[in-house]
Amino acid sequence: MKKIRDNTIKLNQFLKLMGIVPTGGQAKLMIQGGDVQVNGMLETRRGRRLVPGDQVTIQGQTLEVNLNNNEDQDVVINFAEETE
Protein backbone atom coordinates (compact mmCIF):
# COMPACT_ATOMS: atom_id res chain seq x y z
CA MET A 1 0.00 0.00 0.00
CA LYS A 2 1.03 3.58 -0.60
CA LYS A 3 2.61 5.37 2.35
CA ILE A 4 1.44 8.86 3.24
CA ARG A 5 4.30 11.18 4.22
CA ASP A 6 2.23 14.13 5.37
CA ASN A 7 -1.28 14.41 6.71
CA THR A 8 -2.96 15.22 3.37
CA ILE A 9 -3.75 13.53 0.07
CA LYS A 10 -4.97 15.06 -3.18
CA LEU A 11 -8.55 14.25 -4.14
CA ASN A 12 -7.59 12.64 -7.46
CA GLN A 13 -4.97 10.47 -5.71
CA PHE A 14 -7.53 9.46 -3.10
CA LEU A 15 -9.98 8.32 -5.77
CA LYS A 16 -7.26 6.23 -7.45
CA LEU A 17 -6.09 4.79 -4.13
CA MET A 18 -9.62 3.76 -3.25
CA GLY A 19 -10.09 2.03 -6.59
CA ILE A 20 -12.95 4.33 -7.61
CA VAL A 21 -11.06 5.13 -10.82
CA PRO A 22 -8.11 3.35 -12.46
CA THR A 23 -6.40 6.48 -13.84
CA GLY A 24 -5.83 10.09 -13.00
CA GLY A 25 -7.54 11.11 -16.22
CA GLN A 26 -10.75 9.39 -15.18
CA ALA A 27 -10.51 10.97 -11.73
CA LYS A 28 -10.16 14.39 -13.38
CA LEU A 29 -13.26 13.79 -15.52
CA MET A 30 -15.37 12.67 -12.56
CA ILE A 31 -14.26 15.58 -10.38
CA GLN A 32 -14.66 18.26 -13.06
CA GLY A 33 -17.94 16.66 -14.15
CA GLY A 34 -19.51 17.43 -10.78
CA ASP A 35 -19.68 13.84 -9.55
CA VAL A 36 -17.70 14.36 -6.32
CA GLN A 37 -18.55 16.08 -3.05
CA VAL A 38 -16.18 16.78 -0.17
CA ASN A 39 -17.84 17.35 3.19
CA GLY A 40 -21.21 17.76 1.50
CA MET A 41 -20.03 20.44 -0.96
CA LEU A 42 -19.47 19.99 -4.69
CA GLU A 43 -15.73 19.85 -5.40
CA THR A 44 -14.34 20.40 -8.90
CA ARG A 45 -10.64 20.78 -8.06
CA ARG A 46 -8.72 17.54 -8.54
CA GLY A 47 -5.82 18.87 -6.47
CA ARG A 48 -8.03 19.58 -3.44
CA ARG A 49 -6.07 18.48 -0.36
CA LEU A 50 -7.98 16.06 1.86
CA VAL A 51 -7.23 15.83 5.57
CA PRO A 52 -8.26 13.25 8.16
CA GLY A 53 -11.98 13.44 8.85
CA ASP A 54 -12.92 14.73 5.39
CA GLN A 55 -15.81 12.86 3.80
CA VAL A 56 -15.79 12.20 0.07
CA THR A 57 -19.08 11.25 -1.58
CA ILE A 58 -19.09 9.67 -5.01
CA GLN A 59 -21.46 7.26 -6.73
CA GLY A 60 -23.76 7.23 -3.70
CA GLN A 61 -20.97 6.12 -1.36
CA THR A 62 -19.33 8.25 1.33
CA LEU A 63 -15.72 7.57 2.29
CA GLU A 64 -14.11 9.11 5.37
CA VAL A 65 -10.43 9.94 5.13
CA ASN A 66 -8.15 8.78 7.94
CA LEU A 67 -4.46 9.10 7.10
CA ASN A 68 -2.01 7.69 9.61
CA ASN A 69 1.29 9.53 9.55
CA ASN A 70 3.29 6.81 11.30
CA GLU A 71 5.93 5.29 8.99
CA ASP A 72 5.09 1.81 10.29
CA GLN A 73 1.45 2.14 9.27
CA ASP A 74 -0.21 2.11 5.88
CA VAL A 75 -3.02 4.37 4.75
CA VAL A 76 -6.23 3.68 6.62
CA ILE A 77 -9.51 4.67 5.02
CA ASN A 78 -12.73 4.51 7.02
CA PHE A 79 -15.84 3.81 4.97
CA ALA A 80 -18.76 5.89 6.20
CA GLU A 81 -22.33 4.76 5.61
CA GLU A 82 -23.62 4.83 2.06
CA THR A 83 -25.75 7.84 1.24
CA GLU A 84 -29.11 7.68 -0.47
PDB file of N, CA and C in Angstrom:
ATOM      1  N   MET A   1       0.823  -1.193   0.000  1.00  0.00           N
ATOM      2  CA  MET A   1       0.000   0.000   0.000  1.00  0.00           C
ATOM      3  C   MET A   1       0.860   1.248   0.000  1.00  0.00           C
ATOM      4  N   LYS A   2       0.308   2.320  -0.528  1.00  0.00           N
ATOM      5  CA  LYS A   2       1.032   3.585  -0.598  1.00  0.00           C
ATOM      6  C   LYS A   2       1.154   4.216   0.784  1.00  0.00           C
ATOM      7  N   LYS A   3       2.367   4.670   1.088  1.00  0.00           N
ATOM      8  CA  LYS A   3       2.608   5.370   2.354  1.00  0.00           C
ATOM      9  C   LYS A   3       2.289   6.853   2.195  1.00  0.00           C
ATOM     10  N   ILE A   4       1.723   7.430   3.226  1.00  0.00           N
ATOM     11  CA  ILE A   4       1.438   8.856   3.243  1.00  0.00           C
ATOM     12  C   ILE A   4       2.510   9.532   4.086  1.00  0.00           C
ATOM     13  N   ARG A   5       3.190  10.518   3.521  1.00  0.00           N
ATOM     14  CA  ARG A   5       4.296  11.177   4.218  1.00  0.00           C
ATOM     15  C   ARG A   5       3.863  12.420   4.969  1.00  0.00           C
ATOM     16  N   ASP A   6       2.756  13.021   4.593  1.00  0.00           N
ATOM     17  CA  ASP A   6       2.227  14.127   5.371  1.00  0.00           C
ATOM     18  C   ASP A   6       0.786  13.780   5.711  1.00  0.00           C
ATOM     19  N   ASN A   7       0.062  14.711   6.228  1.00  0.00           N
ATOM     20  CA  ASN A   7      -1.281  14.410   6.707  1.00  0.00           C
ATOM     21  C   ASN A   7      -2.358  14.820   5.704  1.00  0.00           C
ATOM     22  N   THR A   8      -1.990  14.864   4.406  1.00  0.00           N
ATOM     23  CA  THR A   8      -2.956  15.216   3.366  1.00  0.00           C
ATOM     24  C   THR A   8      -2.789  14.279   2.179  1.00  0.00           C
ATOM     25  N   ILE A   9      -3.814  14.252   1.335  1.00  0.00           N
ATOM     26  CA  ILE A   9      -3.747  13.529   0.069  1.00  0.00           C
ATOM     27  C   ILE A   9      -4.624  14.294  -0.911  1.00  0.00           C
ATOM     28  N   LYS A  10      -4.179  14.371  -2.172  1.00  0.00           N
ATOM     29  CA  LYS A  10      -4.974  15.062  -3.184  1.00  0.00           C
ATOM     30  C   LYS A  10      -6.207  14.221  -3.511  1.00  0.00           C
ATOM     31  N   LEU A  11      -7.284  14.918  -3.850  1.00  0.00           N
ATOM     32  CA  LEU A  11      -8.547  14.253  -4.145  1.00  0.00           C
ATOM     33  C   LEU A  11      -8.405  13.233  -5.266  1.00  0.00           C
ATOM     34  N   ASN A  12      -7.728  13.594  -6.356  1.00  0.00           N
ATOM     35  CA  ASN A  12      -7.590  12.642  -7.462  1.00  0.00           C
ATOM     36  C   ASN A  12      -6.774  11.417  -7.042  1.00  0.00           C
ATOM     37  N   GLN A  13      -5.762  11.598  -6.205  1.00  0.00           N
ATOM     38  CA  GLN A  13      -4.972  10.468  -5.713  1.00  0.00           C
ATOM     39  C   GLN A  13      -5.810   9.578  -4.799  1.00  0.00           C
ATOM     40  N   PHE A  14      -6.651  10.193  -3.990  1.00  0.00           N
ATOM     41  CA  PHE A  14      -7.532   9.456  -3.098  1.00  0.00           C
ATOM     42  C   PHE A  14      -8.478   8.561  -3.895  1.00  0.00           C
ATOM     43  N   LEU A  15      -9.059   9.103  -4.959  1.00  0.00           N
ATOM     44  CA  LEU A  15      -9.983   8.322  -5.774  1.00  0.00           C
ATOM     45  C   LEU A  15      -9.275   7.134  -6.430  1.00  0.00           C
ATOM     46  N   LYS A  16      -8.041   7.337  -6.874  1.00  0.00           N
ATOM     47  CA  LYS A  16      -7.264   6.229  -7.448  1.00  0.00           C
ATOM     48  C   LYS A  16      -6.911   5.213  -6.374  1.00  0.00           C
ATOM     49  N   LEU A  17      -6.470   5.680  -5.227  1.00  0.00           N
ATOM     50  CA  LEU A  17      -6.086   4.791  -4.131  1.00  0.00           C
ATOM     51  C   LEU A  17      -7.247   3.913  -3.684  1.00  0.00           C
ATOM     52  N   MET A  18      -8.438   4.483  -3.682  1.00  0.00           N
ATOM     53  CA  MET A  18      -9.623   3.755  -3.246  1.00  0.00           C
ATOM     54  C   MET A  18     -10.173   2.823  -4.324  1.00  0.00           C
ATOM     55  N   GLY A  19      -9.620   2.894  -5.520  1.00  0.00           N
ATOM     56  CA  GLY A  19     -10.090   2.033  -6.595  1.00  0.00           C
ATOM     57  C   GLY A  19     -11.374   2.516  -7.247  1.00  0.00           C
ATOM     58  N   ILE A  20     -11.755   3.764  -6.986  1.00  0.00           N
ATOM     59  CA  ILE A  20     -12.951   4.331  -7.608  1.00  0.00           C
ATOM     60  C   ILE A  20     -12.693   4.532  -9.099  1.00  0.00           C
ATOM     61  N   VAL A  21     -11.477   4.944  -9.434  1.00  0.00           N
ATOM     62  CA  VAL A  21     -11.059   5.131 -10.824  1.00  0.00           C
ATOM     63  C   VAL A  21      -9.691   4.487 -11.019  1.00  0.00           C
ATOM     64  N   PRO A  22      -9.424   3.969 -12.225  1.00  0.00           N
ATOM     65  CA  PRO A  22      -8.114   3.346 -12.460  1.00  0.00           C
ATOM     66  C   PRO A  22      -7.018   4.338 -12.860  1.00  0.00           C
ATOM     67  N   THR A  23      -7.406   5.523 -13.361  1.00  0.00           N
ATOM     68  CA  THR A  23      -6.403   6.476 -13.842  1.00  0.00           C
ATOM     69  C   THR A  23      -6.695   7.883 -13.343  1.00  0.00           C
ATOM     70  N   GLY A  24      -5.669   8.697 -13.377  1.00  0.00           N
ATOM     71  CA  GLY A  24      -5.830  10.092 -12.997  1.00  0.00           C
ATOM     72  C   GLY A  24      -6.728  10.853 -13.957  1.00  0.00           C
ATOM     73  N   GLY A  25      -6.690  10.470 -15.233  1.00  0.00           N
ATOM     74  CA  GLY A  25      -7.543  11.110 -16.221  1.00  0.00           C
ATOM     75  C   GLY A  25      -9.020  10.885 -15.937  1.00  0.00           C
ATOM     76  N   GLN A  26      -9.352   9.673 -15.528  1.00  0.00           N
ATOM     77  CA  GLN A  26     -10.745   9.386 -15.179  1.00  0.00           C
ATOM     78  C   GLN A  26     -11.150  10.106 -13.903  1.00  0.00           C
ATOM     79  N   ALA A  27     -10.225  10.221 -12.962  1.00  0.00           N
ATOM     80  CA  ALA A  27     -10.510  10.971 -11.734  1.00  0.00           C
ATOM     81  C   ALA A  27     -10.798  12.430 -12.077  1.00  0.00           C
ATOM     82  N   LYS A  28      -9.979  12.998 -12.951  1.00  0.00           N
ATOM     83  CA  LYS A  28     -10.164  14.388 -13.375  1.00  0.00           C
ATOM     84  C   LYS A  28     -11.545  14.588 -13.990  1.00  0.00           C
ATOM     85  N   LEU A  29     -11.960  13.676 -14.870  1.00  0.00           N
ATOM     86  CA  LEU A  29     -13.259  13.793 -15.523  1.00  0.00           C
ATOM     87  C   LEU A  29     -14.405  13.711 -14.517  1.00  0.00           C
ATOM     88  N   MET A  30     -14.320  12.806 -13.563  1.00  0.00           N
ATOM     89  CA  MET A  30     -15.374  12.674 -12.556  1.00  0.00           C
ATOM     90  C   MET A  30     -15.449  13.918 -11.679  1.00  0.00           C
ATOM     91  N   ILE A  31     -14.297  14.409 -11.267  1.00  0.00           N
ATOM     92  CA  ILE A  31     -14.256  15.581 -10.380  1.00  0.00           C
ATOM     93  C   ILE A  31     -14.778  16.811 -11.118  1.00  0.00           C
ATOM     94  N   GLN A  32     -14.240  17.075 -12.301  1.00  0.00           N
ATOM     95  CA  GLN A  32     -14.658  18.258 -13.056  1.00  0.00           C
ATOM     96  C   GLN A  32     -16.078  18.123 -13.589  1.00  0.00           C
ATOM     97  N   GLY A  33     -16.577  16.887 -13.685  1.00  0.00           N
ATOM     98  CA  GLY A  33     -17.936  16.657 -14.148  1.00  0.00           C
ATOM     99  C   GLY A  33     -18.986  16.849 -13.072  1.00  0.00           C
ATOM    100  N   GLY A  34     -18.560  17.161 -11.859  1.00  0.00           N
ATOM    101  CA  GLY A  34     -19.508  17.428 -10.777  1.00  0.00           C
ATOM    102  C   GLY A  34     -20.015  16.184 -10.073  1.00  0.00           C
ATOM    103  N   ASP A  35     -19.261  15.101 -10.155  1.00  0.00           N
ATOM    104  CA  ASP A  35     -19.682  13.835  -9.551  1.00  0.00           C
ATOM    105  C   ASP A  35     -19.146  13.616  -8.143  1.00  0.00           C
ATOM    106  N   VAL A  36     -18.370  14.568  -7.607  1.00  0.00           N
ATOM    107  CA  VAL A  36     -17.699  14.362  -6.325  1.00  0.00           C
ATOM    108  C   VAL A  36     -18.045  15.495  -5.355  1.00  0.00           C
ATOM    109  N   GLN A  37     -18.343  15.109  -4.127  1.00  0.00           N
ATOM    110  CA  GLN A  37     -18.553  16.078  -3.050  1.00  0.00           C
ATOM    111  C   GLN A  37     -17.533  15.810  -1.951  1.00  0.00           C
ATOM    112  N   VAL A  38     -17.059  16.882  -1.337  1.00  0.00           N
ATOM    113  CA  VAL A  38     -16.183  16.782  -0.171  1.00  0.00           C
ATOM    114  C   VAL A  38     -16.877  17.514   0.963  1.00  0.00           C
ATOM    115  N   ASN A  39     -17.142  16.795   2.028  1.00  0.00           N
ATOM    116  CA  ASN A  39     -17.836  17.348   3.192  1.00  0.00           C
ATOM    117  C   ASN A  39     -19.172  17.981   2.808  1.00  0.00           C
ATOM    118  N   GLY A  40     -19.882  17.315   1.894  1.00  0.00           N
ATOM    119  CA  GLY A  40     -21.208  17.759   1.499  1.00  0.00           C
ATOM    120  C   GLY A  40     -21.254  18.880   0.481  1.00  0.00           C
ATOM    121  N   MET A  41     -20.098  19.333   0.010  1.00  0.00           N
ATOM    122  CA  MET A  41     -20.033  20.435  -0.959  1.00  0.00           C
ATOM    123  C   MET A  41     -19.429  19.919  -2.269  1.00  0.00           C
ATOM    124  N   LEU A  42     -20.000  20.344  -3.386  1.00  0.00           N
ATOM    125  CA  LEU A  42     -19.467  19.986  -4.694  1.00  0.00           C
ATOM    126  C   LEU A  42     -18.015  20.427  -4.790  1.00  0.00           C
ATOM    127  N   GLU A  43     -17.156  19.531  -5.261  1.00  0.00           N
ATOM    128  CA  GLU A  43     -15.734  19.849  -5.405  1.00  0.00           C
ATOM    129  C   GLU A  43     -15.313  19.566  -6.840  1.00  0.00           C
ATOM    130  N   THR A  44     -14.767  20.566  -7.516  1.00  0.00           N
ATOM    131  CA  THR A  44     -14.339  20.401  -8.903  1.00  0.00           C
ATOM    132  C   THR A  44     -12.828  20.552  -9.076  1.00  0.00           C
ATOM    133  N   ARG A  45     -12.106  20.672  -7.977  1.00  0.00           N
ATOM    134  CA  ARG A  45     -10.635  20.784  -8.056  1.00  0.00           C
ATOM    135  C   ARG A  45     -10.012  19.424  -7.764  1.00  0.00           C
ATOM    136  N   ARG A  46      -9.314  18.864  -8.750  1.00  0.00           N
ATOM    137  CA  ARG A  46      -8.719  17.540  -8.537  1.00  0.00           C
ATOM    138  C   ARG A  46      -7.561  17.577  -7.547  1.00  0.00           C
ATOM    139  N   GLY A  47      -6.933  18.737  -7.386  1.00  0.00           N
ATOM    140  CA  GLY A  47      -5.819  18.875  -6.466  1.00  0.00           C
ATOM    141  C   GLY A  47      -6.231  19.244  -5.052  1.00  0.00           C
ATOM    142  N   ARG A  48      -7.534  19.255  -4.786  1.00  0.00           N
ATOM    143  CA  ARG A  48      -8.025  19.581  -3.438  1.00  0.00           C
ATOM    144  C   ARG A  48      -7.336  18.662  -2.428  1.00  0.00           C
ATOM    145  N   ARG A  49      -6.750  19.249  -1.405  1.00  0.00           N
ATOM    146  CA  ARG A  49      -6.071  18.478  -0.358  1.00  0.00           C
ATOM    147  C   ARG A  49      -7.086  17.979   0.661  1.00  0.00           C
ATOM    148  N   LEU A  50      -7.107  16.671   0.861  1.00  0.00           N
ATOM    149  CA  LEU A  50      -7.977  16.064   1.863  1.00  0.00           C
ATOM    150  C   LEU A  50      -7.186  15.851   3.144  1.00  0.00           C
ATOM    151  N   VAL A  51      -7.842  16.041   4.257  1.00  0.00           N
ATOM    152  CA  VAL A  51      -7.227  15.832   5.567  1.00  0.00           C
ATOM    153  C   VAL A  51      -8.060  14.806   6.325  1.00  0.00           C
ATOM    154  N   PRO A  52      -7.490  14.217   7.379  1.00  0.00           N
ATOM    155  CA  PRO A  52      -8.260  13.248   8.157  1.00  0.00           C
ATOM    156  C   PRO A  52      -9.597  13.827   8.612  1.00  0.00           C
ATOM    157  N   GLY A  53     -10.641  13.020   8.461  1.00  0.00           N
ATOM    158  CA  GLY A  53     -11.978  13.443   8.847  1.00  0.00           C
ATOM    159  C   GLY A  53     -12.814  13.950   7.684  1.00  0.00           C
ATOM    160  N   ASP A  54     -12.152  14.321   6.565  1.00  0.00           N
ATOM    161  CA  ASP A  54     -12.920  14.727   5.387  1.00  0.00           C
ATOM    162  C   ASP A  54     -13.765  13.563   4.904  1.00  0.00           C
ATOM    163  N   GLN A  55     -14.928  13.880   4.357  1.00  0.00           N
ATOM    164  CA  GLN A  55     -15.809  12.861   3.801  1.00  0.00           C
ATOM    165  C   GLN A  55     -15.995  13.126   2.318  1.00  0.00           C
ATOM    166  N   VAL A  56     -15.680  12.114   1.522  1.00  0.00           N
ATOM    167  CA  VAL A  56     -15.785  12.204   0.073  1.00  0.00           C
ATOM    168  C   VAL A  56     -16.969  11.353  -0.360  1.00  0.00           C
ATOM    169  N   THR A  57     -17.906  11.973  -1.087  1.00  0.00           N
ATOM    170  CA  THR A  57     -19.080  11.250  -1.575  1.00  0.00           C
ATOM    171  C   THR A  57     -19.006  11.158  -3.084  1.00  0.00           C
ATOM    172  N   ILE A  58     -19.122   9.927  -3.583  1.00  0.00           N
ATOM    173  CA  ILE A  58     -19.093   9.665  -5.010  1.00  0.00           C
ATOM    174  C   ILE A  58     -19.877   8.396  -5.290  1.00  0.00           C
ATOM    175  N   GLN A  59     -20.667   8.416  -6.322  1.00  0.00           N
ATOM    176  CA  GLN A  59     -21.461   7.259  -6.733  1.00  0.00           C
ATOM    177  C   GLN A  59     -22.307   6.724  -5.583  1.00  0.00           C
ATOM    178  N   GLY A  60     -22.887   7.628  -4.788  1.00  0.00           N
ATOM    179  CA  GLY A  60     -23.764   7.226  -3.696  1.00  0.00           C
ATOM    180  C   GLY A  60     -23.063   6.623  -2.494  1.00  0.00           C
ATOM    181  N   GLN A  61     -21.756   6.685  -2.458  1.00  0.00           N
ATOM    182  CA  GLN A  61     -20.973   6.122  -1.360  1.00  0.00           C
ATOM    183  C   GLN A  61     -20.153   7.225  -0.719  1.00  0.00           C
ATOM    184  N   THR A  62     -20.122   7.259   0.606  1.00  0.00           N
ATOM    185  CA  THR A  62     -19.334   8.252   1.334  1.00  0.00           C
ATOM    186  C   THR A  62     -18.148   7.557   1.989  1.00  0.00           C
ATOM    187  N   LEU A  63     -16.964   8.099   1.732  1.00  0.00           N
ATOM    188  CA  LEU A  63     -15.719   7.569   2.291  1.00  0.00           C
ATOM    189  C   LEU A  63     -15.134   8.607   3.225  1.00  0.00           C
ATOM    190  N   GLU A  64     -14.752   8.191   4.430  1.00  0.00           N
ATOM    191  CA  GLU A  64     -14.114   9.107   5.375  1.00  0.00           C
ATOM    192  C   GLU A  64     -12.614   8.894   5.327  1.00  0.00           C
ATOM    193  N   VAL A  65     -11.879   9.992   5.246  1.00  0.00           N
ATOM    194  CA  VAL A  65     -10.427   9.942   5.133  1.00  0.00           C
ATOM    195  C   VAL A  65      -9.806   9.876   6.524  1.00  0.00           C
ATOM    196  N   ASN A  66      -8.922   8.905   6.719  1.00  0.00           N
ATOM    197  CA  ASN A  66      -8.149   8.782   7.943  1.00  0.00           C
ATOM    198  C   ASN A  66      -6.746   8.388   7.537  1.00  0.00           C
ATOM    199  N   LEU A  67      -5.829   9.343   7.530  1.00  0.00           N
ATOM    200  CA  LEU A  67      -4.455   9.098   7.103  1.00  0.00           C
ATOM    201  C   LEU A  67      -3.561   9.004   8.320  1.00  0.00           C
ATOM    202  N   ASN A  68      -2.955   7.851   8.513  1.00  0.00           N
ATOM    203  CA  ASN A  68      -2.011   7.688   9.613  1.00  0.00           C
ATOM    204  C   ASN A  68      -0.647   8.143   9.141  1.00  0.00           C
ATOM    205  N   ASN A  69       0.006   8.959   9.930  1.00  0.00           N
ATOM    206  CA  ASN A  69       1.292   9.532   9.548  1.00  0.00           C
ATOM    207  C   ASN A  69       2.474   8.773  10.147  1.00  0.00           C
ATOM    208  N   ASN A  70       2.239   7.632  10.725  1.00  0.00           N
ATOM    209  CA  ASN A  70       3.292   6.813  11.300  1.00  0.00           C
ATOM    210  C   ASN A  70       3.932   5.988  10.193  1.00  0.00           C
ATOM    211  N   GLU A  71       5.250   6.011  10.067  1.00  0.00           N
ATOM    212  CA  GLU A  71       5.925   5.292   8.988  1.00  0.00           C
ATOM    213  C   GLU A  71       5.670   3.795   9.030  1.00  0.00           C
ATOM    214  N   ASP A  72       5.333   3.241  10.178  1.00  0.00           N
ATOM    215  CA  ASP A  72       5.086   1.810  10.293  1.00  0.00           C
ATOM    216  C   ASP A  72       3.665   1.430   9.903  1.00  0.00           C
ATOM    217  N   GLN A  73       2.841   2.411   9.592  1.00  0.00           N
ATOM    218  CA  GLN A  73       1.450   2.137   9.269  1.00  0.00           C
ATOM    219  C   GLN A  73       1.156   2.523   7.833  1.00  0.00           C
ATOM    220  N   ASP A  74       0.245   1.789   7.227  1.00  0.00           N
ATOM    221  CA  ASP A  74      -0.206   2.105   5.883  1.00  0.00           C
ATOM    222  C   ASP A  74      -1.375   3.060   5.968  1.00  0.00           C
ATOM    223  N   VAL A  75      -1.847   3.501   4.821  1.00  0.00           N
ATOM    224  CA  VAL A  75      -3.018   4.370   4.750  1.00  0.00           C
ATOM    225  C   VAL A  75      -4.224   3.605   5.300  1.00  0.00           C
ATOM    226  N   VAL A  76      -4.998   4.267   6.110  1.00  0.00           N
ATOM    227  CA  VAL A  76      -6.226   3.680   6.624  1.00  0.00           C
ATOM    228  C   VAL A  76      -7.379   4.556   6.148  1.00  0.00           C
ATOM    229  N   ILE A  77      -8.344   3.946   5.506  1.00  0.00           N
ATOM    230  CA  ILE A  77      -9.513   4.667   5.025  1.00  0.00           C
ATOM    231  C   ILE A  77     -10.733   4.099   5.701  1.00  0.00           C
ATOM    232  N   ASN A  78     -11.490   4.937   6.377  1.00  0.00           N
ATOM    233  CA  ASN A  78     -12.730   4.508   7.019  1.00  0.00           C
ATOM    234  C   ASN A  78     -13.871   4.733   6.047  1.00  0.00           C
ATOM    235  N   PHE A  79     -14.672   3.704   5.835  1.00  0.00           N
ATOM    236  CA  PHE A  79     -15.838   3.811   4.973  1.00  0.00           C
ATOM    237  C   PHE A  79     -17.018   4.252   5.827  1.00  0.00           C
ATOM    238  N   ALA A  80     -17.555   5.419   5.517  1.00  0.00           N
ATOM    239  CA  ALA A  80     -18.758   5.886   6.199  1.00  0.00           C
ATOM    240  C   ALA A  80     -19.962   5.183   5.562  1.00  0.00           C
ATOM    241  N   GLU A  81     -21.125   5.393   6.143  1.00  0.00           N
ATOM    242  CA  GLU A  81     -22.325   4.759   5.608  1.00  0.00           C
ATOM    243  C   GLU A  81     -22.620   5.270   4.221  1.00  0.00           C
ATOM    244  N   GLU A  82     -23.226   4.412   3.392  1.00  0.00           N
ATOM    245  CA  GLU A  82     -23.619   4.831   2.057  1.00  0.00           C
ATOM    246  C   GLU A  82     -24.729   5.855   2.163  1.00  0.00           C
ATOM    247  N   THR A  83     -24.709   6.821   1.262  1.00  0.00           N
ATOM    248  CA  THR A  83     -25.749   7.838   1.244  1.00  0.00           C
ATOM    249  C   THR A  83     -26.846   7.421   0.273  1.00  0.00           C
ATOM    250  N   GLU A  84     -28.001   8.016   0.433  1.00  0.00           N
ATOM    251  CA  GLU A  84     -29.106   7.680  -0.473  1.00  0.00           C
ATOM    252  C   GLU A  84     -29.343   8.771  -1.472  1.00  0.00           C
TER     253      GLU A  84
END
